[in-house]
N, C-alpha and C. Protein backbone atom coordinates (compact mmCIF):
# COMPACT_ATOMS: atom_id res chain seq x y z
N UNK A 1 -9.75 -135.16 -90.83
CA UNK A 1 -9.60 -136.60 -91.01
C UNK A 1 -10.23 -137.30 -89.83
N UNK A 2 -11.11 -138.22 -90.12
CA UNK A 2 -11.87 -138.91 -89.10
C UNK A 2 -11.33 -140.32 -88.91
N UNK A 3 -11.08 -140.68 -87.66
CA UNK A 3 -10.58 -142.02 -87.37
C UNK A 3 -11.75 -142.94 -87.04
N UNK A 4 -11.47 -144.23 -86.93
CA UNK A 4 -12.52 -145.19 -86.57
C UNK A 4 -13.06 -144.88 -85.18
N UNK A 5 -12.16 -144.49 -84.25
CA UNK A 5 -12.57 -144.14 -82.89
C UNK A 5 -13.49 -142.92 -82.92
N UNK A 6 -13.15 -141.90 -83.75
CA UNK A 6 -14.00 -140.72 -83.88
C UNK A 6 -15.39 -141.11 -84.40
N UNK A 7 -15.44 -142.00 -85.39
CA UNK A 7 -16.71 -142.43 -85.97
C UNK A 7 -17.56 -143.15 -84.94
N UNK A 8 -16.93 -143.98 -84.12
CA UNK A 8 -17.67 -144.72 -83.09
C UNK A 8 -18.28 -143.76 -82.07
N UNK A 9 -17.56 -142.69 -81.73
CA UNK A 9 -18.08 -141.72 -80.77
C UNK A 9 -19.28 -140.97 -81.34
N UNK A 10 -19.27 -140.71 -82.63
CA UNK A 10 -20.33 -139.95 -83.27
C UNK A 10 -21.64 -140.73 -83.37
N UNK A 11 -21.59 -142.05 -83.30
CA UNK A 11 -22.78 -142.88 -83.45
C UNK A 11 -23.86 -142.46 -82.45
N UNK A 12 -23.47 -142.03 -81.26
CA UNK A 12 -24.42 -141.68 -80.21
C UNK A 12 -24.91 -140.24 -80.30
N UNK A 13 -24.35 -139.45 -81.20
CA UNK A 13 -24.72 -138.04 -81.31
C UNK A 13 -25.88 -137.85 -82.28
N UNK A 14 -26.69 -136.83 -82.02
CA UNK A 14 -27.71 -136.46 -83.00
C UNK A 14 -27.00 -135.75 -84.15
N UNK A 15 -27.69 -135.55 -85.24
CA UNK A 15 -27.11 -134.83 -86.40
C UNK A 15 -26.67 -133.43 -85.97
N UNK A 16 -27.52 -132.75 -85.20
CA UNK A 16 -27.20 -131.39 -84.75
C UNK A 16 -25.95 -131.38 -83.87
N UNK A 17 -25.86 -132.35 -82.93
CA UNK A 17 -24.69 -132.43 -82.06
C UNK A 17 -23.44 -132.71 -82.88
N UNK A 18 -23.56 -133.60 -83.85
CA UNK A 18 -22.42 -133.94 -84.70
C UNK A 18 -21.96 -132.72 -85.51
N UNK A 19 -22.92 -131.98 -86.06
CA UNK A 19 -22.59 -130.77 -86.82
C UNK A 19 -21.92 -129.74 -85.92
N UNK A 20 -22.45 -129.57 -84.71
CA UNK A 20 -21.88 -128.61 -83.77
C UNK A 20 -20.47 -129.03 -83.36
N UNK A 21 -20.27 -130.33 -83.19
CA UNK A 21 -18.95 -130.84 -82.86
C UNK A 21 -17.96 -130.52 -83.98
N UNK A 22 -18.40 -130.65 -85.23
CA UNK A 22 -17.53 -130.29 -86.37
C UNK A 22 -17.12 -128.82 -86.29
N UNK A 23 -18.08 -127.96 -85.93
CA UNK A 23 -17.80 -126.52 -85.82
C UNK A 23 -16.77 -126.28 -84.71
N UNK A 24 -16.98 -126.93 -83.56
CA UNK A 24 -16.06 -126.76 -82.42
C UNK A 24 -14.65 -127.23 -82.80
N UNK A 25 -14.56 -128.42 -83.40
CA UNK A 25 -13.25 -128.95 -83.81
C UNK A 25 -12.59 -127.99 -84.79
N UNK A 26 -13.36 -127.50 -85.76
CA UNK A 26 -12.82 -126.55 -86.75
C UNK A 26 -12.30 -125.28 -86.11
N UNK A 27 -13.08 -124.72 -85.17
CA UNK A 27 -12.66 -123.49 -84.49
C UNK A 27 -11.39 -123.72 -83.68
N UNK A 28 -11.34 -124.83 -82.94
CA UNK A 28 -10.16 -125.12 -82.12
C UNK A 28 -8.93 -125.38 -82.99
N UNK A 29 -9.11 -126.09 -84.09
CA UNK A 29 -7.99 -126.36 -84.99
C UNK A 29 -7.47 -125.07 -85.61
N UNK A 30 -8.39 -124.15 -85.93
CA UNK A 30 -7.97 -122.87 -86.50
C UNK A 30 -7.19 -122.03 -85.48
N UNK A 31 -7.65 -122.07 -84.21
CA UNK A 31 -7.00 -121.29 -83.16
C UNK A 31 -5.68 -121.91 -82.72
N UNK A 32 -5.61 -123.24 -82.71
CA UNK A 32 -4.42 -123.93 -82.22
C UNK A 32 -4.07 -125.12 -83.12
N UNK A 33 -3.55 -124.86 -84.31
CA UNK A 33 -3.27 -125.97 -85.22
C UNK A 33 -2.30 -126.99 -84.63
N UNK A 34 -1.46 -126.54 -83.72
CA UNK A 34 -0.46 -127.43 -83.13
C UNK A 34 -1.08 -128.43 -82.15
N UNK A 35 -2.32 -128.20 -81.73
CA UNK A 35 -2.94 -129.03 -80.70
C UNK A 35 -3.55 -130.32 -81.25
N UNK A 36 -3.70 -130.43 -82.54
CA UNK A 36 -4.33 -131.59 -83.20
C UNK A 36 -5.59 -132.05 -82.48
N UNK A 37 -6.59 -131.17 -82.46
CA UNK A 37 -7.87 -131.45 -81.82
C UNK A 37 -8.66 -132.41 -82.70
N UNK A 38 -9.21 -133.45 -82.06
CA UNK A 38 -10.03 -134.43 -82.77
C UNK A 38 -11.31 -134.67 -81.98
N UNK A 39 -12.24 -135.39 -82.61
CA UNK A 39 -13.47 -135.75 -81.91
C UNK A 39 -13.14 -136.53 -80.64
N UNK A 40 -12.21 -137.48 -80.74
CA UNK A 40 -11.90 -138.30 -79.57
C UNK A 40 -11.20 -137.49 -78.48
N UNK A 41 -10.38 -136.49 -78.84
CA UNK A 41 -9.73 -135.69 -77.80
C UNK A 41 -10.77 -134.82 -77.08
N UNK A 42 -11.76 -134.33 -77.82
CA UNK A 42 -12.83 -133.56 -77.19
C UNK A 42 -13.67 -134.47 -76.30
N UNK A 43 -13.96 -135.68 -76.78
CA UNK A 43 -14.75 -136.64 -75.97
C UNK A 43 -14.02 -136.97 -74.68
N UNK A 44 -12.71 -137.15 -74.76
CA UNK A 44 -11.93 -137.47 -73.57
C UNK A 44 -11.99 -136.29 -72.58
N UNK A 45 -11.82 -135.07 -73.10
CA UNK A 45 -11.89 -133.88 -72.26
C UNK A 45 -13.28 -133.76 -71.63
N UNK A 46 -14.33 -133.98 -72.43
CA UNK A 46 -15.70 -133.86 -71.93
C UNK A 46 -15.97 -134.87 -70.82
N UNK A 47 -15.47 -136.08 -70.99
CA UNK A 47 -15.66 -137.11 -69.97
C UNK A 47 -14.92 -136.73 -68.68
N UNK A 48 -13.69 -136.24 -68.81
CA UNK A 48 -12.94 -135.80 -67.63
C UNK A 48 -13.68 -134.67 -66.92
N UNK A 49 -14.20 -133.72 -67.70
CA UNK A 49 -14.92 -132.58 -67.12
C UNK A 49 -16.21 -133.06 -66.46
N UNK A 50 -16.92 -133.98 -67.09
CA UNK A 50 -18.16 -134.51 -66.53
C UNK A 50 -17.90 -135.16 -65.17
N UNK A 51 -16.86 -135.99 -65.09
CA UNK A 51 -16.53 -136.67 -63.84
C UNK A 51 -16.12 -135.64 -62.78
N UNK A 52 -15.28 -134.68 -63.18
CA UNK A 52 -14.83 -133.64 -62.26
C UNK A 52 -16.02 -132.83 -61.74
N UNK A 53 -16.93 -132.44 -62.65
CA UNK A 53 -18.11 -131.68 -62.24
C UNK A 53 -19.01 -132.50 -61.33
N UNK A 54 -19.15 -133.79 -61.63
CA UNK A 54 -19.98 -134.67 -60.80
C UNK A 54 -19.43 -134.73 -59.37
N UNK A 55 -18.12 -134.87 -59.25
CA UNK A 55 -17.48 -134.90 -57.94
C UNK A 55 -17.69 -133.57 -57.21
N UNK A 56 -17.52 -132.46 -57.95
CA UNK A 56 -17.67 -131.14 -57.34
C UNK A 56 -19.11 -130.92 -56.86
N UNK A 57 -20.10 -131.39 -57.64
CA UNK A 57 -21.50 -131.27 -57.22
C UNK A 57 -21.74 -132.11 -55.96
N UNK A 58 -21.27 -133.34 -55.99
CA UNK A 58 -21.48 -134.26 -54.87
C UNK A 58 -20.83 -133.72 -53.60
N UNK A 59 -19.61 -133.19 -53.72
CA UNK A 59 -18.88 -132.70 -52.56
C UNK A 59 -19.28 -131.29 -52.15
N UNK A 60 -20.07 -130.63 -52.99
CA UNK A 60 -20.50 -129.27 -52.68
C UNK A 60 -19.40 -128.24 -52.82
N UNK A 61 -18.38 -128.53 -53.63
CA UNK A 61 -17.27 -127.58 -53.79
C UNK A 61 -17.49 -126.61 -54.95
N UNK A 62 -18.52 -126.85 -55.75
CA UNK A 62 -18.87 -125.93 -56.83
C UNK A 62 -20.38 -125.83 -56.91
N UNK A 63 -20.84 -124.70 -57.43
CA UNK A 63 -22.27 -124.48 -57.66
C UNK A 63 -22.48 -124.49 -59.16
N UNK A 64 -23.47 -125.24 -59.62
CA UNK A 64 -23.76 -125.31 -61.05
C UNK A 64 -25.17 -124.78 -61.28
N UNK A 65 -25.29 -123.90 -62.28
CA UNK A 65 -26.59 -123.31 -62.60
C UNK A 65 -26.79 -123.44 -64.11
N UNK A 66 -27.95 -123.94 -64.50
CA UNK A 66 -28.25 -124.02 -65.93
C UNK A 66 -29.63 -123.40 -66.13
N UNK A 67 -29.69 -122.40 -67.00
CA UNK A 67 -30.92 -121.66 -67.22
C UNK A 67 -31.20 -121.63 -68.72
N UNK A 68 -32.40 -122.02 -69.09
CA UNK A 68 -32.78 -121.97 -70.50
C UNK A 68 -33.21 -120.55 -70.87
N UNK A 69 -32.69 -120.05 -71.97
CA UNK A 69 -33.11 -118.73 -72.47
C UNK A 69 -33.92 -118.88 -73.75
N UNK A 70 -34.39 -120.10 -74.00
CA UNK A 70 -35.11 -120.38 -75.25
C UNK A 70 -36.33 -119.47 -75.44
N UNK A 71 -37.04 -119.15 -74.37
CA UNK A 71 -38.26 -118.35 -74.48
C UNK A 71 -38.03 -116.88 -74.14
N UNK A 72 -36.79 -116.48 -73.85
CA UNK A 72 -36.50 -115.10 -73.47
C UNK A 72 -36.43 -114.20 -74.70
N UNK A 73 -37.01 -113.01 -74.56
CA UNK A 73 -36.93 -112.03 -75.65
C UNK A 73 -35.64 -111.23 -75.49
N UNK A 74 -35.27 -110.47 -76.51
CA UNK A 74 -34.09 -109.61 -76.42
C UNK A 74 -34.25 -108.62 -75.26
N UNK A 75 -35.46 -108.12 -75.05
CA UNK A 75 -35.73 -107.18 -73.96
C UNK A 75 -35.53 -107.87 -72.61
N UNK A 76 -35.97 -109.13 -72.49
CA UNK A 76 -35.76 -109.89 -71.25
C UNK A 76 -34.27 -109.98 -70.94
N UNK A 77 -33.48 -110.29 -71.96
CA UNK A 77 -32.03 -110.45 -71.78
C UNK A 77 -31.41 -109.13 -71.34
N UNK A 78 -31.80 -108.03 -71.97
CA UNK A 78 -31.26 -106.71 -71.59
C UNK A 78 -31.62 -106.37 -70.15
N UNK A 79 -32.87 -106.63 -69.76
CA UNK A 79 -33.30 -106.33 -68.38
C UNK A 79 -32.53 -107.18 -67.37
N UNK A 80 -32.39 -108.45 -67.67
CA UNK A 80 -31.65 -109.33 -66.77
C UNK A 80 -30.19 -108.90 -66.65
N UNK A 81 -29.60 -108.52 -67.78
CA UNK A 81 -28.21 -108.05 -67.79
C UNK A 81 -28.07 -106.83 -66.86
N UNK A 82 -29.03 -105.90 -66.95
CA UNK A 82 -29.00 -104.71 -66.10
C UNK A 82 -29.10 -105.06 -64.63
N UNK A 83 -30.00 -105.99 -64.29
CA UNK A 83 -30.16 -106.41 -62.90
C UNK A 83 -28.89 -107.08 -62.38
N UNK A 84 -28.29 -107.95 -63.19
CA UNK A 84 -27.08 -108.64 -62.76
C UNK A 84 -25.92 -107.66 -62.58
N UNK A 85 -25.83 -106.68 -63.46
CA UNK A 85 -24.78 -105.66 -63.34
C UNK A 85 -24.90 -104.91 -62.01
N UNK A 86 -26.14 -104.53 -61.68
CA UNK A 86 -26.38 -103.82 -60.41
C UNK A 86 -26.02 -104.70 -59.22
N UNK A 87 -26.43 -105.95 -59.27
CA UNK A 87 -26.14 -106.89 -58.18
C UNK A 87 -24.62 -107.02 -57.98
N UNK A 88 -23.91 -107.17 -59.08
CA UNK A 88 -22.45 -107.32 -59.00
C UNK A 88 -21.82 -106.08 -58.38
N UNK A 89 -22.25 -104.90 -58.82
CA UNK A 89 -21.72 -103.65 -58.25
C UNK A 89 -22.03 -103.54 -56.76
N UNK A 90 -23.24 -103.93 -56.37
CA UNK A 90 -23.63 -103.85 -54.96
C UNK A 90 -22.79 -104.78 -54.08
N UNK A 91 -22.41 -105.94 -54.61
CA UNK A 91 -21.61 -106.84 -53.78
C UNK A 91 -20.25 -106.24 -53.48
N UNK A 92 -19.71 -105.47 -54.42
CA UNK A 92 -18.40 -104.84 -54.18
C UNK A 92 -18.51 -103.80 -53.07
N UNK A 93 -19.63 -103.07 -53.08
CA UNK A 93 -19.81 -102.01 -52.09
C UNK A 93 -20.20 -102.54 -50.71
N UNK A 94 -20.98 -103.62 -50.66
CA UNK A 94 -21.61 -104.01 -49.41
C UNK A 94 -21.15 -105.34 -48.80
N UNK A 95 -20.31 -106.08 -49.50
CA UNK A 95 -19.93 -107.40 -48.99
C UNK A 95 -18.42 -107.59 -49.04
N UNK A 96 -17.97 -108.69 -48.48
CA UNK A 96 -16.54 -108.98 -48.43
C UNK A 96 -15.98 -109.23 -49.83
N UNK A 97 -14.66 -109.07 -49.98
CA UNK A 97 -14.05 -109.36 -51.29
C UNK A 97 -14.33 -110.80 -51.76
N UNK A 98 -14.44 -111.75 -50.83
CA UNK A 98 -14.71 -113.13 -51.22
C UNK A 98 -16.11 -113.28 -51.81
N UNK A 99 -17.09 -112.62 -51.20
CA UNK A 99 -18.45 -112.66 -51.73
C UNK A 99 -18.48 -112.01 -53.12
N UNK A 100 -17.83 -110.86 -53.23
CA UNK A 100 -17.77 -110.17 -54.53
C UNK A 100 -17.12 -111.07 -55.58
N UNK A 101 -16.04 -111.75 -55.22
CA UNK A 101 -15.35 -112.66 -56.13
C UNK A 101 -16.28 -113.80 -56.57
N UNK A 102 -16.97 -114.43 -55.60
CA UNK A 102 -17.85 -115.56 -55.94
C UNK A 102 -19.01 -115.12 -56.82
N UNK A 103 -19.58 -113.96 -56.53
CA UNK A 103 -20.66 -113.44 -57.37
C UNK A 103 -20.13 -113.19 -58.78
N UNK A 104 -18.92 -112.67 -58.88
CA UNK A 104 -18.31 -112.45 -60.20
C UNK A 104 -18.11 -113.75 -60.95
N UNK A 105 -17.66 -114.79 -60.24
CA UNK A 105 -17.46 -116.10 -60.88
C UNK A 105 -18.79 -116.66 -61.39
N UNK A 106 -19.86 -116.41 -60.65
CA UNK A 106 -21.18 -116.89 -61.07
C UNK A 106 -21.71 -116.06 -62.23
N UNK A 107 -21.59 -114.75 -62.13
CA UNK A 107 -22.23 -113.87 -63.11
C UNK A 107 -21.43 -113.65 -64.38
N UNK A 108 -20.11 -113.70 -64.30
CA UNK A 108 -19.30 -113.34 -65.48
C UNK A 108 -19.64 -114.18 -66.71
N UNK A 109 -19.66 -115.52 -66.60
CA UNK A 109 -19.98 -116.28 -67.82
C UNK A 109 -21.38 -115.99 -68.35
N UNK A 110 -22.33 -115.77 -67.43
CA UNK A 110 -23.70 -115.47 -67.83
C UNK A 110 -23.74 -114.12 -68.55
N UNK A 111 -23.08 -113.14 -67.96
CA UNK A 111 -23.11 -111.80 -68.54
C UNK A 111 -22.36 -111.74 -69.87
N UNK A 112 -21.29 -112.50 -70.00
CA UNK A 112 -20.57 -112.52 -71.29
C UNK A 112 -21.46 -113.13 -72.37
N UNK A 113 -22.16 -114.19 -72.02
CA UNK A 113 -23.07 -114.83 -72.98
C UNK A 113 -24.20 -113.86 -73.35
N UNK A 114 -24.71 -113.17 -72.35
CA UNK A 114 -25.79 -112.22 -72.59
C UNK A 114 -25.30 -111.06 -73.46
N UNK A 115 -24.07 -110.60 -73.20
CA UNK A 115 -23.52 -109.50 -73.98
C UNK A 115 -23.43 -109.89 -75.45
N UNK A 116 -23.08 -111.15 -75.72
CA UNK A 116 -23.00 -111.59 -77.12
C UNK A 116 -24.40 -111.63 -77.74
N UNK A 117 -25.42 -111.93 -76.94
CA UNK A 117 -26.80 -111.90 -77.45
C UNK A 117 -27.25 -110.48 -77.76
N UNK A 118 -26.72 -109.52 -77.00
CA UNK A 118 -27.17 -108.14 -77.13
C UNK A 118 -26.43 -107.37 -78.22
N UNK A 119 -25.37 -107.95 -78.79
CA UNK A 119 -24.66 -107.26 -79.86
C UNK A 119 -25.63 -106.98 -81.00
N UNK A 120 -25.53 -105.81 -81.60
CA UNK A 120 -26.44 -105.53 -82.72
C UNK A 120 -26.22 -106.56 -83.83
N UNK A 121 -27.33 -107.06 -84.33
CA UNK A 121 -27.23 -108.04 -85.41
C UNK A 121 -26.95 -107.31 -86.72
N UNK A 122 -26.09 -107.92 -87.53
CA UNK A 122 -25.75 -107.30 -88.82
C UNK A 122 -26.98 -107.32 -89.72
N UNK A 123 -27.28 -106.19 -90.35
CA UNK A 123 -28.44 -106.18 -91.24
C UNK A 123 -28.18 -107.10 -92.44
N UNK A 124 -29.23 -107.73 -92.86
CA UNK A 124 -29.08 -108.62 -94.02
C UNK A 124 -28.97 -107.78 -95.28
N UNK A 125 -28.11 -108.22 -96.18
CA UNK A 125 -27.96 -107.53 -97.46
C UNK A 125 -28.99 -108.13 -98.41
N UNK A 126 -29.79 -107.27 -98.98
CA UNK A 126 -30.83 -107.76 -99.91
C UNK A 126 -30.35 -107.57 -101.33
N UNK A 127 -30.81 -108.44 -102.19
CA UNK A 127 -30.47 -108.31 -103.61
C UNK A 127 -31.00 -106.99 -104.15
N UNK A 128 -30.19 -106.33 -104.95
CA UNK A 128 -30.61 -105.11 -105.60
C UNK A 128 -30.40 -103.85 -104.78
N UNK A 129 -29.83 -104.01 -103.56
CA UNK A 129 -29.57 -102.80 -102.74
C UNK A 129 -28.11 -102.44 -102.79
C-alpha cells in the first residue's frame, strides 16, 4: 500500500531505482512483517545514514571505498578474492589485532559480495530437456 508521502518520494527516482526499492521493501517485509517497512521509512533511514556517513567522512572517523565492478570479468573477481584473502591472512600473522580487525572490517563486505558473484550460476532449463 502506497501513501501520498511514498508517492512524493518516488517522483525523484528513476524507474530502475523505483523497481529496486519495491524489491527491497518486499524483501524486508517478508523478513520482518512486524516492522511495517515502507518507502518513507527507508527514505528516512537512508537520509539518516547519509548524514551520519557525511559526518564520519568529514571527521575522518570512517573510511569509505566505492569500486565499480561493471567491467570486471568473473576471472577478475576470483583473482581479486584470492588476493584479498591472502592479505587478510597476512595481517593476522604480521600485524596487531587492531590492524587485523580494521582490515577485516574493510574486506569482509567486499569479499561477501564477491563470494555471491562467484557462486555457480544455475543452468537455464531449456524447453524439451
